[in-house]
Amino acid sequence: MDAHGGTRELAARLRDRLAEADETLAVAETCTGGGVGAALTAVPGASEYLDRVLVPYDYDALRTVTGINRETLDRHGAVSEAATAELARAARDLSDVTWGIANTGVAGPGGGTAETPVGTAFVAVADAAPWESGDSATAVEQYRFDGDRQAVRERIVRQSLTDLLDAIGRER
């Protein structure tokens, strides 16, 4: 259990905060394969704030569905701070929502490298400030989770919701 509670509780708190502020959300997730979207839509009322959930799983989908630059993927890889930040901004901007959130990671059991071992995850939150204010921003955090594939994916889902909830709290 994280400091904010379980996944369902996190999703309910996000629903309440976003609906109360009349703000909207788009999600782009890779290694969780729709887990963030599933957590959000498991709580009634998601249609009040959730615009879309994108699940681009490979490089071609990342490029064609979200518009992430090939150069970003070539230089940094899909599981990186740069790619995850770009993914969160793409979710936000493709949807014209208040908040975009993205995650990338290596859930295992394979796929890890010395630089990006299994359990590595990045979560990015992008907010949209009023046009021409210069205040839109993206924050990215890197995490390392232990456990099997399912445990890592569940932790990334919870961390994605937690990071969004924390970002919303900082904006108020």
N, C-alpha and C. Protein backbone atom coordinates (compact mmCIF):
# COMPACT_ATOMS: atom_id res chain seq x y z
N MET A 1 0.85 -1.18 0.00
CA MET A 1 0.00 0.00 0.00
C MET A 1 0.89 1.24 0.00
N ASP A 2 0.62 2.17 -0.88
CA ASP A 2 1.39 3.41 -0.93
C ASP A 2 0.81 4.43 0.04
N ALA A 3 1.48 5.57 0.14
CA ALA A 3 1.07 6.59 1.10
C ALA A 3 -0.32 7.15 0.81
N HIS A 4 -0.73 7.11 -0.44
CA HIS A 4 -2.03 7.66 -0.82
C HIS A 4 -3.16 6.63 -0.76
N GLY A 5 -2.85 5.36 -0.61
CA GLY A 5 -3.89 4.33 -0.56
C GLY A 5 -3.80 3.39 -1.74
N GLY A 6 -4.80 2.53 -1.87
CA GLY A 6 -4.84 1.55 -2.94
C GLY A 6 -5.23 2.18 -4.27
N THR A 7 -5.13 1.38 -5.31
CA THR A 7 -5.39 1.87 -6.66
C THR A 7 -6.80 2.43 -6.81
N ARG A 8 -7.79 1.72 -6.30
CA ARG A 8 -9.18 2.20 -6.43
C ARG A 8 -9.39 3.52 -5.67
N GLU A 9 -8.81 3.61 -4.49
CA GLU A 9 -8.91 4.85 -3.71
C GLU A 9 -8.21 6.01 -4.44
N LEU A 10 -7.06 5.74 -5.02
CA LEU A 10 -6.36 6.77 -5.79
C LEU A 10 -7.21 7.26 -6.96
N ALA A 11 -7.80 6.30 -7.69
CA ALA A 11 -8.64 6.66 -8.83
C ALA A 11 -9.85 7.48 -8.39
N ALA A 12 -10.45 7.13 -7.26
CA ALA A 12 -11.60 7.89 -6.77
C ALA A 12 -11.19 9.30 -6.36
N ARG A 13 -10.04 9.44 -5.72
CA ARG A 13 -9.56 10.76 -5.34
C ARG A 13 -9.25 11.60 -6.57
N LEU A 14 -8.66 10.99 -7.59
CA LEU A 14 -8.40 11.72 -8.84
C LEU A 14 -9.70 12.17 -9.49
N ARG A 15 -10.67 11.28 -9.53
CA ARG A 15 -11.98 11.64 -10.10
C ARG A 15 -12.54 12.86 -9.38
N ASP A 16 -12.52 12.83 -8.06
CA ASP A 16 -13.08 13.93 -7.28
C ASP A 16 -12.32 15.23 -7.53
N ARG A 17 -11.00 15.17 -7.51
CA ARG A 17 -10.19 16.38 -7.72
C ARG A 17 -10.38 16.96 -9.11
N LEU A 18 -10.34 16.09 -10.12
CA LEU A 18 -10.47 16.58 -11.49
C LEU A 18 -11.86 17.11 -11.77
N ALA A 19 -12.88 16.40 -11.31
CA ALA A 19 -14.26 16.84 -11.54
C ALA A 19 -14.53 18.15 -10.80
N GLU A 20 -14.03 18.26 -9.58
CA GLU A 20 -14.22 19.47 -8.78
C GLU A 20 -13.61 20.69 -9.46
N ALA A 21 -12.47 20.50 -10.10
CA ALA A 21 -11.77 21.61 -10.76
C ALA A 21 -12.17 21.77 -12.22
N ASP A 22 -13.06 20.90 -12.70
CA ASP A 22 -13.47 20.91 -14.10
C ASP A 22 -12.25 20.77 -15.01
N GLU A 23 -11.37 19.84 -14.64
CA GLU A 23 -10.16 19.57 -15.42
C GLU A 23 -10.27 18.19 -16.07
N THR A 24 -9.46 17.99 -17.10
CA THR A 24 -9.55 16.78 -17.90
C THR A 24 -8.19 16.10 -18.00
N LEU A 25 -8.22 14.84 -18.41
CA LEU A 25 -7.03 14.00 -18.41
C LEU A 25 -6.98 13.12 -19.65
N ALA A 26 -5.77 12.94 -20.15
CA ALA A 26 -5.49 11.92 -21.16
C ALA A 26 -4.29 11.12 -20.68
N VAL A 27 -4.29 9.84 -20.99
CA VAL A 27 -3.27 8.91 -20.52
C VAL A 27 -2.58 8.28 -21.72
N ALA A 28 -1.26 8.13 -21.61
CA ALA A 28 -0.49 7.33 -22.57
C ALA A 28 0.37 6.39 -21.75
N GLU A 29 0.19 5.12 -21.96
CA GLU A 29 0.93 4.14 -21.16
C GLU A 29 1.46 3.04 -22.05
N THR A 30 2.62 2.55 -21.70
CA THR A 30 3.23 1.48 -22.50
C THR A 30 3.23 0.18 -21.72
N CYS A 31 4.15 0.01 -20.80
CA CYS A 31 4.33 -1.28 -20.14
C CYS A 31 3.16 -1.72 -19.28
N THR A 32 2.30 -0.80 -18.90
CA THR A 32 1.13 -1.18 -18.10
C THR A 32 -0.04 -1.61 -18.98
N GLY A 33 0.09 -1.46 -20.28
CA GLY A 33 -0.87 -2.02 -21.23
C GLY A 33 -2.32 -1.67 -21.01
N GLY A 34 -2.60 -0.48 -20.55
CA GLY A 34 -3.98 -0.07 -20.29
C GLY A 34 -4.37 -0.15 -18.83
N GLY A 35 -3.45 -0.50 -17.96
CA GLY A 35 -3.74 -0.64 -16.54
C GLY A 35 -4.16 0.66 -15.87
N VAL A 36 -3.54 1.78 -16.27
CA VAL A 36 -3.93 3.07 -15.69
C VAL A 36 -5.36 3.40 -16.12
N GLY A 37 -5.63 3.23 -17.40
CA GLY A 37 -6.98 3.48 -17.89
C GLY A 37 -8.01 2.58 -17.24
N ALA A 38 -7.65 1.32 -17.05
CA ALA A 38 -8.57 0.38 -16.39
C ALA A 38 -8.83 0.81 -14.95
N ALA A 39 -7.79 1.26 -14.25
CA ALA A 39 -7.97 1.70 -12.86
C ALA A 39 -8.88 2.92 -12.80
N LEU A 40 -8.69 3.86 -13.71
CA LEU A 40 -9.51 5.07 -13.71
C LEU A 40 -10.97 4.77 -14.05
N THR A 41 -11.19 3.91 -15.03
CA THR A 41 -12.56 3.63 -15.47
C THR A 41 -13.27 2.62 -14.57
N ALA A 42 -12.55 2.00 -13.65
CA ALA A 42 -13.20 1.09 -12.70
C ALA A 42 -14.03 1.86 -11.67
N VAL A 43 -13.75 3.15 -11.54
CA VAL A 43 -14.48 4.00 -10.59
C VAL A 43 -15.51 4.81 -11.37
N PRO A 44 -16.78 4.73 -11.01
CA PRO A 44 -17.81 5.49 -11.73
C PRO A 44 -17.47 6.98 -11.78
N GLY A 45 -17.79 7.58 -12.91
CA GLY A 45 -17.58 9.01 -13.08
C GLY A 45 -16.39 9.37 -13.94
N ALA A 46 -15.68 8.38 -14.45
CA ALA A 46 -14.50 8.66 -15.27
C ALA A 46 -14.84 9.48 -16.52
N SER A 47 -16.04 9.30 -17.04
CA SER A 47 -16.42 10.04 -18.25
C SER A 47 -16.51 11.54 -18.01
N GLU A 48 -16.53 11.96 -16.75
CA GLU A 48 -16.56 13.38 -16.42
C GLU A 48 -15.22 14.07 -16.68
N TYR A 49 -14.12 13.30 -16.67
CA TYR A 49 -12.81 13.93 -16.79
C TYR A 49 -11.85 13.21 -17.75
N LEU A 50 -12.06 11.94 -18.03
CA LEU A 50 -11.11 11.16 -18.82
C LEU A 50 -11.44 11.28 -20.30
N ASP A 51 -10.50 11.82 -21.07
CA ASP A 51 -10.71 12.01 -22.50
C ASP A 51 -10.34 10.76 -23.29
N ARG A 52 -9.15 10.23 -23.03
CA ARG A 52 -8.70 9.04 -23.76
C ARG A 52 -7.54 8.37 -23.06
N VAL A 53 -7.33 7.10 -23.45
CA VAL A 53 -6.19 6.32 -22.97
C VAL A 53 -5.52 5.74 -24.21
N LEU A 54 -4.27 6.10 -24.41
CA LEU A 54 -3.48 5.59 -25.52
C LEU A 54 -2.54 4.52 -25.00
N VAL A 55 -2.43 3.42 -25.75
CA VAL A 55 -1.54 2.34 -25.33
C VAL A 55 -0.63 1.96 -26.50
N PRO A 56 0.31 2.84 -26.84
CA PRO A 56 1.28 2.52 -27.90
C PRO A 56 2.39 1.65 -27.32
N TYR A 57 2.49 0.43 -27.78
CA TYR A 57 3.37 -0.52 -27.10
C TYR A 57 4.75 -0.66 -27.74
N ASP A 58 4.87 -0.42 -29.04
CA ASP A 58 6.18 -0.55 -29.65
C ASP A 58 6.61 0.77 -30.30
N TYR A 59 7.83 0.81 -30.82
CA TYR A 59 8.39 2.05 -31.36
C TYR A 59 7.53 2.64 -32.46
N ASP A 60 7.07 1.81 -33.39
CA ASP A 60 6.25 2.34 -34.48
C ASP A 60 4.96 2.96 -33.95
N ALA A 61 4.34 2.31 -33.00
CA ALA A 61 3.11 2.86 -32.42
C ALA A 61 3.41 4.15 -31.66
N LEU A 62 4.51 4.20 -30.94
CA LEU A 62 4.87 5.43 -30.24
C LEU A 62 5.00 6.58 -31.23
N ARG A 63 5.63 6.32 -32.35
CA ARG A 63 5.81 7.37 -33.36
C ARG A 63 4.52 7.75 -34.05
N THR A 64 3.75 6.74 -34.49
CA THR A 64 2.58 7.04 -35.32
C THR A 64 1.35 7.44 -34.52
N VAL A 65 1.18 6.88 -33.34
CA VAL A 65 0.00 7.20 -32.53
C VAL A 65 0.20 8.49 -31.75
N THR A 66 1.40 8.69 -31.22
CA THR A 66 1.62 9.86 -30.35
C THR A 66 2.50 10.93 -30.96
N GLY A 67 3.21 10.60 -32.03
CA GLY A 67 4.08 11.59 -32.66
C GLY A 67 5.41 11.79 -31.97
N ILE A 68 5.80 10.89 -31.10
CA ILE A 68 7.12 11.01 -30.47
C ILE A 68 8.18 11.00 -31.58
N ASN A 69 9.16 11.86 -31.44
CA ASN A 69 10.22 11.97 -32.44
C ASN A 69 11.06 10.70 -32.50
N ARG A 70 11.35 10.28 -33.71
CA ARG A 70 12.23 9.13 -33.91
C ARG A 70 13.59 9.39 -33.25
N GLU A 71 14.06 10.62 -33.32
CA GLU A 71 15.35 10.96 -32.73
C GLU A 71 15.37 10.73 -31.22
N THR A 72 14.26 11.05 -30.57
CA THR A 72 14.17 10.81 -29.12
C THR A 72 14.30 9.32 -28.83
N LEU A 73 13.59 8.52 -29.60
CA LEU A 73 13.64 7.07 -29.39
C LEU A 73 15.02 6.52 -29.74
N ASP A 74 15.63 7.01 -30.83
CA ASP A 74 16.96 6.54 -31.22
C ASP A 74 18.02 6.90 -30.19
N ARG A 75 17.96 8.11 -29.67
CA ARG A 75 18.98 8.60 -28.73
C ARG A 75 18.80 8.05 -27.32
N HIS A 76 17.55 7.99 -26.88
CA HIS A 76 17.30 7.70 -25.47
C HIS A 76 16.58 6.38 -25.21
N GLY A 77 15.91 5.83 -26.22
CA GLY A 77 15.11 4.63 -26.04
C GLY A 77 13.72 4.99 -25.54
N ALA A 78 12.82 4.03 -25.64
CA ALA A 78 11.44 4.27 -25.22
C ALA A 78 11.31 4.38 -23.70
N VAL A 79 12.14 3.67 -22.98
CA VAL A 79 12.10 3.71 -21.52
C VAL A 79 13.17 4.71 -21.07
N SER A 80 12.78 5.97 -21.08
CA SER A 80 13.71 7.05 -20.75
C SER A 80 12.94 8.26 -20.27
N GLU A 81 13.65 9.14 -19.61
CA GLU A 81 13.05 10.39 -19.16
C GLU A 81 12.54 11.20 -20.35
N ALA A 82 13.38 11.30 -21.39
CA ALA A 82 13.01 12.12 -22.55
C ALA A 82 11.78 11.59 -23.26
N ALA A 83 11.73 10.28 -23.51
CA ALA A 83 10.59 9.70 -24.21
C ALA A 83 9.31 9.79 -23.39
N THR A 84 9.42 9.57 -22.09
CA THR A 84 8.23 9.61 -21.24
C THR A 84 7.68 11.02 -21.13
N ALA A 85 8.56 12.01 -21.04
CA ALA A 85 8.11 13.41 -21.02
C ALA A 85 7.40 13.76 -22.32
N GLU A 86 7.99 13.35 -23.43
CA GLU A 86 7.37 13.62 -24.72
C GLU A 86 6.02 12.91 -24.85
N LEU A 87 5.93 11.72 -24.31
CA LEU A 87 4.69 10.95 -24.34
C LEU A 87 3.59 11.63 -23.53
N ALA A 88 3.92 12.14 -22.36
CA ALA A 88 2.92 12.85 -21.53
C ALA A 88 2.45 14.11 -22.23
N ARG A 89 3.38 14.85 -22.84
CA ARG A 89 2.98 16.07 -23.58
C ARG A 89 2.12 15.71 -24.78
N ALA A 90 2.45 14.60 -25.45
CA ALA A 90 1.65 14.18 -26.60
C ALA A 90 0.23 13.82 -26.17
N ALA A 91 0.10 13.10 -25.06
CA ALA A 91 -1.25 12.75 -24.56
C ALA A 91 -2.03 14.02 -24.27
N ARG A 92 -1.40 14.96 -23.61
CA ARG A 92 -2.05 16.23 -23.26
C ARG A 92 -2.44 17.01 -24.53
N ASP A 93 -1.52 17.13 -25.46
CA ASP A 93 -1.74 18.01 -26.61
C ASP A 93 -2.60 17.39 -27.70
N LEU A 94 -2.53 16.08 -27.88
CA LEU A 94 -3.40 15.42 -28.85
C LEU A 94 -4.86 15.52 -28.43
N SER A 95 -5.08 15.64 -27.13
CA SER A 95 -6.42 15.63 -26.59
C SER A 95 -6.92 17.01 -26.17
N ASP A 96 -6.02 17.97 -26.07
CA ASP A 96 -6.36 19.31 -25.58
C ASP A 96 -7.03 19.23 -24.21
N VAL A 97 -6.34 18.55 -23.29
CA VAL A 97 -6.83 18.37 -21.92
C VAL A 97 -5.96 19.17 -20.96
N THR A 98 -6.36 19.20 -19.71
CA THR A 98 -5.61 19.91 -18.68
C THR A 98 -4.36 19.13 -18.27
N TRP A 99 -4.48 17.82 -18.19
CA TRP A 99 -3.40 16.96 -17.71
C TRP A 99 -3.14 15.82 -18.67
N GLY A 100 -1.86 15.54 -18.89
CA GLY A 100 -1.44 14.35 -19.62
C GLY A 100 -0.52 13.57 -18.72
N ILE A 101 -0.71 12.27 -18.68
CA ILE A 101 0.17 11.42 -17.87
C ILE A 101 0.66 10.27 -18.73
N ALA A 102 1.90 9.88 -18.52
CA ALA A 102 2.48 8.79 -19.29
C ALA A 102 3.38 7.95 -18.41
N ASN A 103 3.51 6.70 -18.79
CA ASN A 103 4.50 5.84 -18.14
C ASN A 103 5.17 4.97 -19.18
N THR A 104 6.42 4.65 -18.91
CA THR A 104 7.18 3.68 -19.69
C THR A 104 7.95 2.84 -18.69
N GLY A 105 8.33 1.65 -19.08
CA GLY A 105 9.08 0.83 -18.14
C GLY A 105 9.45 -0.52 -18.71
N VAL A 106 10.22 -1.23 -17.94
CA VAL A 106 10.62 -2.60 -18.25
C VAL A 106 10.04 -3.47 -17.15
N ALA A 107 8.95 -4.15 -17.47
CA ALA A 107 8.25 -4.95 -16.47
C ALA A 107 8.86 -6.33 -16.28
N GLY A 108 9.63 -6.81 -17.26
CA GLY A 108 10.28 -8.11 -17.14
C GLY A 108 9.41 -9.25 -17.65
N PRO A 109 9.84 -10.45 -17.55
CA PRO A 109 11.10 -10.82 -16.93
C PRO A 109 12.33 -10.49 -17.77
N GLY A 110 12.18 -10.34 -19.08
CA GLY A 110 13.30 -9.97 -19.94
C GLY A 110 13.21 -8.51 -20.33
N GLY A 111 14.10 -8.11 -21.22
CA GLY A 111 14.06 -6.76 -21.78
C GLY A 111 14.92 -5.76 -21.07
N GLY A 112 15.42 -6.08 -19.90
CA GLY A 112 16.26 -5.14 -19.17
C GLY A 112 17.68 -5.10 -19.71
N THR A 113 18.36 -4.01 -19.42
CA THR A 113 19.76 -3.84 -19.78
C THR A 113 20.50 -3.37 -18.53
N ALA A 114 21.81 -3.22 -18.65
CA ALA A 114 22.58 -2.69 -17.52
C ALA A 114 22.14 -1.27 -17.17
N GLU A 115 21.84 -0.49 -18.20
CA GLU A 115 21.42 0.90 -17.98
C GLU A 115 19.96 1.00 -17.55
N THR A 116 19.14 0.08 -18.03
CA THR A 116 17.70 0.11 -17.74
C THR A 116 17.27 -1.30 -17.32
N PRO A 117 17.55 -1.67 -16.08
CA PRO A 117 17.23 -3.03 -15.64
C PRO A 117 15.72 -3.25 -15.48
N VAL A 118 15.35 -4.51 -15.44
CA VAL A 118 13.95 -4.86 -15.18
C VAL A 118 13.51 -4.17 -13.89
N GLY A 119 12.32 -3.61 -13.93
CA GLY A 119 11.78 -2.88 -12.80
C GLY A 119 11.92 -1.38 -12.92
N THR A 120 12.68 -0.92 -13.92
CA THR A 120 12.84 0.52 -14.16
C THR A 120 11.57 1.07 -14.76
N ALA A 121 11.15 2.21 -14.28
CA ALA A 121 9.96 2.87 -14.82
C ALA A 121 10.15 4.38 -14.76
N PHE A 122 9.51 5.05 -15.72
CA PHE A 122 9.42 6.51 -15.72
C PHE A 122 7.96 6.89 -15.75
N VAL A 123 7.61 7.90 -14.97
CA VAL A 123 6.25 8.44 -14.96
C VAL A 123 6.37 9.94 -15.20
N ALA A 124 5.62 10.43 -16.17
CA ALA A 124 5.63 11.87 -16.48
C ALA A 124 4.22 12.43 -16.38
N VAL A 125 4.14 13.64 -15.86
CA VAL A 125 2.88 14.37 -15.76
C VAL A 125 3.08 15.72 -16.44
N ALA A 126 2.22 16.01 -17.42
CA ALA A 126 2.27 17.28 -18.14
C ALA A 126 0.99 18.04 -17.88
N ASP A 127 1.12 19.30 -17.48
CA ASP A 127 -0.07 20.13 -17.27
C ASP A 127 -0.13 21.21 -18.34
N ALA A 128 -1.34 21.63 -18.63
CA ALA A 128 -1.57 22.67 -19.63
C ALA A 128 -2.01 23.94 -18.92
N ALA A 129 -1.13 24.90 -18.91
CA ALA A 129 -1.48 26.22 -18.36
C ALA A 129 -2.21 27.00 -19.46
N PRO A 130 -2.79 28.13 -19.11
CA PRO A 130 -3.46 28.94 -20.15
C PRO A 130 -2.50 29.29 -21.28
N TRP A 131 -3.01 29.35 -22.50
CA TRP A 131 -2.21 29.68 -23.67
C TRP A 131 -1.44 30.96 -23.45
N GLU A 132 -0.21 30.96 -23.92
CA GLU A 132 0.71 32.11 -23.89
C GLU A 132 1.12 32.52 -22.49
N SER A 133 0.80 31.71 -21.49
CA SER A 133 1.23 32.04 -20.12
C SER A 133 2.68 31.61 -19.88
N GLY A 134 3.14 30.65 -20.67
CA GLY A 134 4.48 30.12 -20.46
C GLY A 134 4.60 29.21 -19.24
N ASP A 135 3.47 28.83 -18.67
CA ASP A 135 3.50 28.07 -17.43
C ASP A 135 3.21 26.57 -17.58
N SER A 136 2.95 26.09 -18.78
CA SER A 136 2.77 24.64 -18.95
C SER A 136 4.08 23.95 -18.58
N ALA A 137 3.97 22.79 -17.99
CA ALA A 137 5.18 22.12 -17.51
C ALA A 137 5.01 20.60 -17.55
N THR A 138 6.15 19.93 -17.57
CA THR A 138 6.18 18.47 -17.52
C THR A 138 7.19 18.05 -16.47
N ALA A 139 6.78 17.15 -15.59
CA ALA A 139 7.67 16.60 -14.57
C ALA A 139 7.79 15.10 -14.79
N VAL A 140 9.01 14.59 -14.67
CA VAL A 140 9.26 13.16 -14.87
C VAL A 140 10.00 12.63 -13.65
N GLU A 141 9.59 11.46 -13.21
CA GLU A 141 10.28 10.77 -12.12
C GLU A 141 10.68 9.38 -12.59
N GLN A 142 11.82 8.91 -12.12
CA GLN A 142 12.29 7.56 -12.41
C GLN A 142 12.13 6.71 -11.16
N TYR A 143 11.73 5.46 -11.36
CA TYR A 143 11.51 4.54 -10.25
C TYR A 143 12.17 3.20 -10.56
N ARG A 144 12.38 2.43 -9.53
CA ARG A 144 12.85 1.05 -9.67
C ARG A 144 12.02 0.19 -8.74
N PHE A 145 11.26 -0.74 -9.33
CA PHE A 145 10.37 -1.60 -8.57
C PHE A 145 10.86 -3.04 -8.63
N ASP A 146 10.73 -3.74 -7.52
CA ASP A 146 11.08 -5.16 -7.45
C ASP A 146 9.82 -6.00 -7.62
N GLY A 147 10.02 -7.24 -8.00
CA GLY A 147 8.91 -8.17 -8.11
C GLY A 147 8.80 -8.77 -9.50
N ASP A 148 7.81 -9.63 -9.66
CA ASP A 148 7.58 -10.23 -10.96
C ASP A 148 6.87 -9.23 -11.88
N ARG A 149 6.63 -9.62 -13.10
CA ARG A 149 6.05 -8.73 -14.10
C ARG A 149 4.75 -8.08 -13.62
N GLN A 150 3.86 -8.88 -13.06
CA GLN A 150 2.58 -8.35 -12.61
C GLN A 150 2.75 -7.35 -11.48
N ALA A 151 3.63 -7.66 -10.53
CA ALA A 151 3.87 -6.75 -9.40
C ALA A 151 4.46 -5.43 -9.88
N VAL A 152 5.39 -5.49 -10.81
CA VAL A 152 6.01 -4.27 -11.35
C VAL A 152 4.95 -3.43 -12.06
N ARG A 153 4.14 -4.06 -12.88
CA ARG A 153 3.09 -3.32 -13.60
C ARG A 153 2.10 -2.67 -12.64
N GLU A 154 1.70 -3.39 -11.61
CA GLU A 154 0.77 -2.84 -10.62
C GLU A 154 1.38 -1.65 -9.89
N ARG A 155 2.66 -1.75 -9.57
CA ARG A 155 3.33 -0.64 -8.88
C ARG A 155 3.42 0.59 -9.81
N ILE A 156 3.66 0.36 -11.08
CA ILE A 156 3.73 1.49 -12.02
C ILE A 156 2.36 2.15 -12.16
N VAL A 157 1.30 1.37 -12.20
CA VAL A 157 -0.05 1.95 -12.27
C VAL A 157 -0.29 2.82 -11.04
N ARG A 158 -0.03 2.29 -9.86
CA ARG A 158 -0.25 3.07 -8.63
C ARG A 158 0.62 4.32 -8.59
N GLN A 159 1.87 4.17 -9.02
CA GLN A 159 2.77 5.32 -9.00
C GLN A 159 2.32 6.39 -9.99
N SER A 160 1.79 5.97 -11.13
CA SER A 160 1.27 6.93 -12.11
C SER A 160 0.13 7.74 -11.51
N LEU A 161 -0.80 7.06 -10.86
CA LEU A 161 -1.93 7.75 -10.23
C LEU A 161 -1.45 8.64 -9.09
N THR A 162 -0.50 8.16 -8.31
CA THR A 162 0.04 8.95 -7.19
C THR A 162 0.73 10.21 -7.69
N ASP A 163 1.55 10.07 -8.72
CA ASP A 163 2.27 11.24 -9.25
C ASP A 163 1.29 12.27 -9.80
N LEU A 164 0.23 11.83 -10.46
CA LEU A 164 -0.77 12.77 -10.96
C LEU A 164 -1.48 13.47 -9.80
N LEU A 165 -1.87 12.71 -8.82
CA LEU A 165 -2.54 13.29 -7.65
C LEU A 165 -1.64 14.32 -6.96
N ASP A 166 -0.36 13.99 -6.82
CA ASP A 166 0.59 14.92 -6.22
C ASP A 166 0.74 16.19 -7.06
N ALA A 167 0.81 16.04 -8.38
CA ALA A 167 0.95 17.21 -9.27
C ALA A 167 -0.27 18.11 -9.18
N ILE A 168 -1.45 17.51 -9.13
CA ILE A 168 -2.68 18.30 -9.01
C ILE A 168 -2.66 19.06 -7.68
N GLY A 169 -2.21 18.42 -6.64
CA GLY A 169 -2.12 19.07 -5.33
C GLY A 169 -1.15 20.24 -5.32
N ARG A 170 -0.05 20.12 -6.06
CA ARG A 170 0.93 21.21 -6.13
C ARG A 170 0.41 22.39 -6.92
N GLU A 171 -0.47 22.14 -7.87
CA GLU A 171 -0.99 23.20 -8.74
C GLU A 171 -2.04 24.06 -8.04
N ARG A 172 -2.56 23.61 -6.93
CA ARG A 172 -3.64 24.35 -6.26
C ARG A 172 -3.13 25.25 -5.19
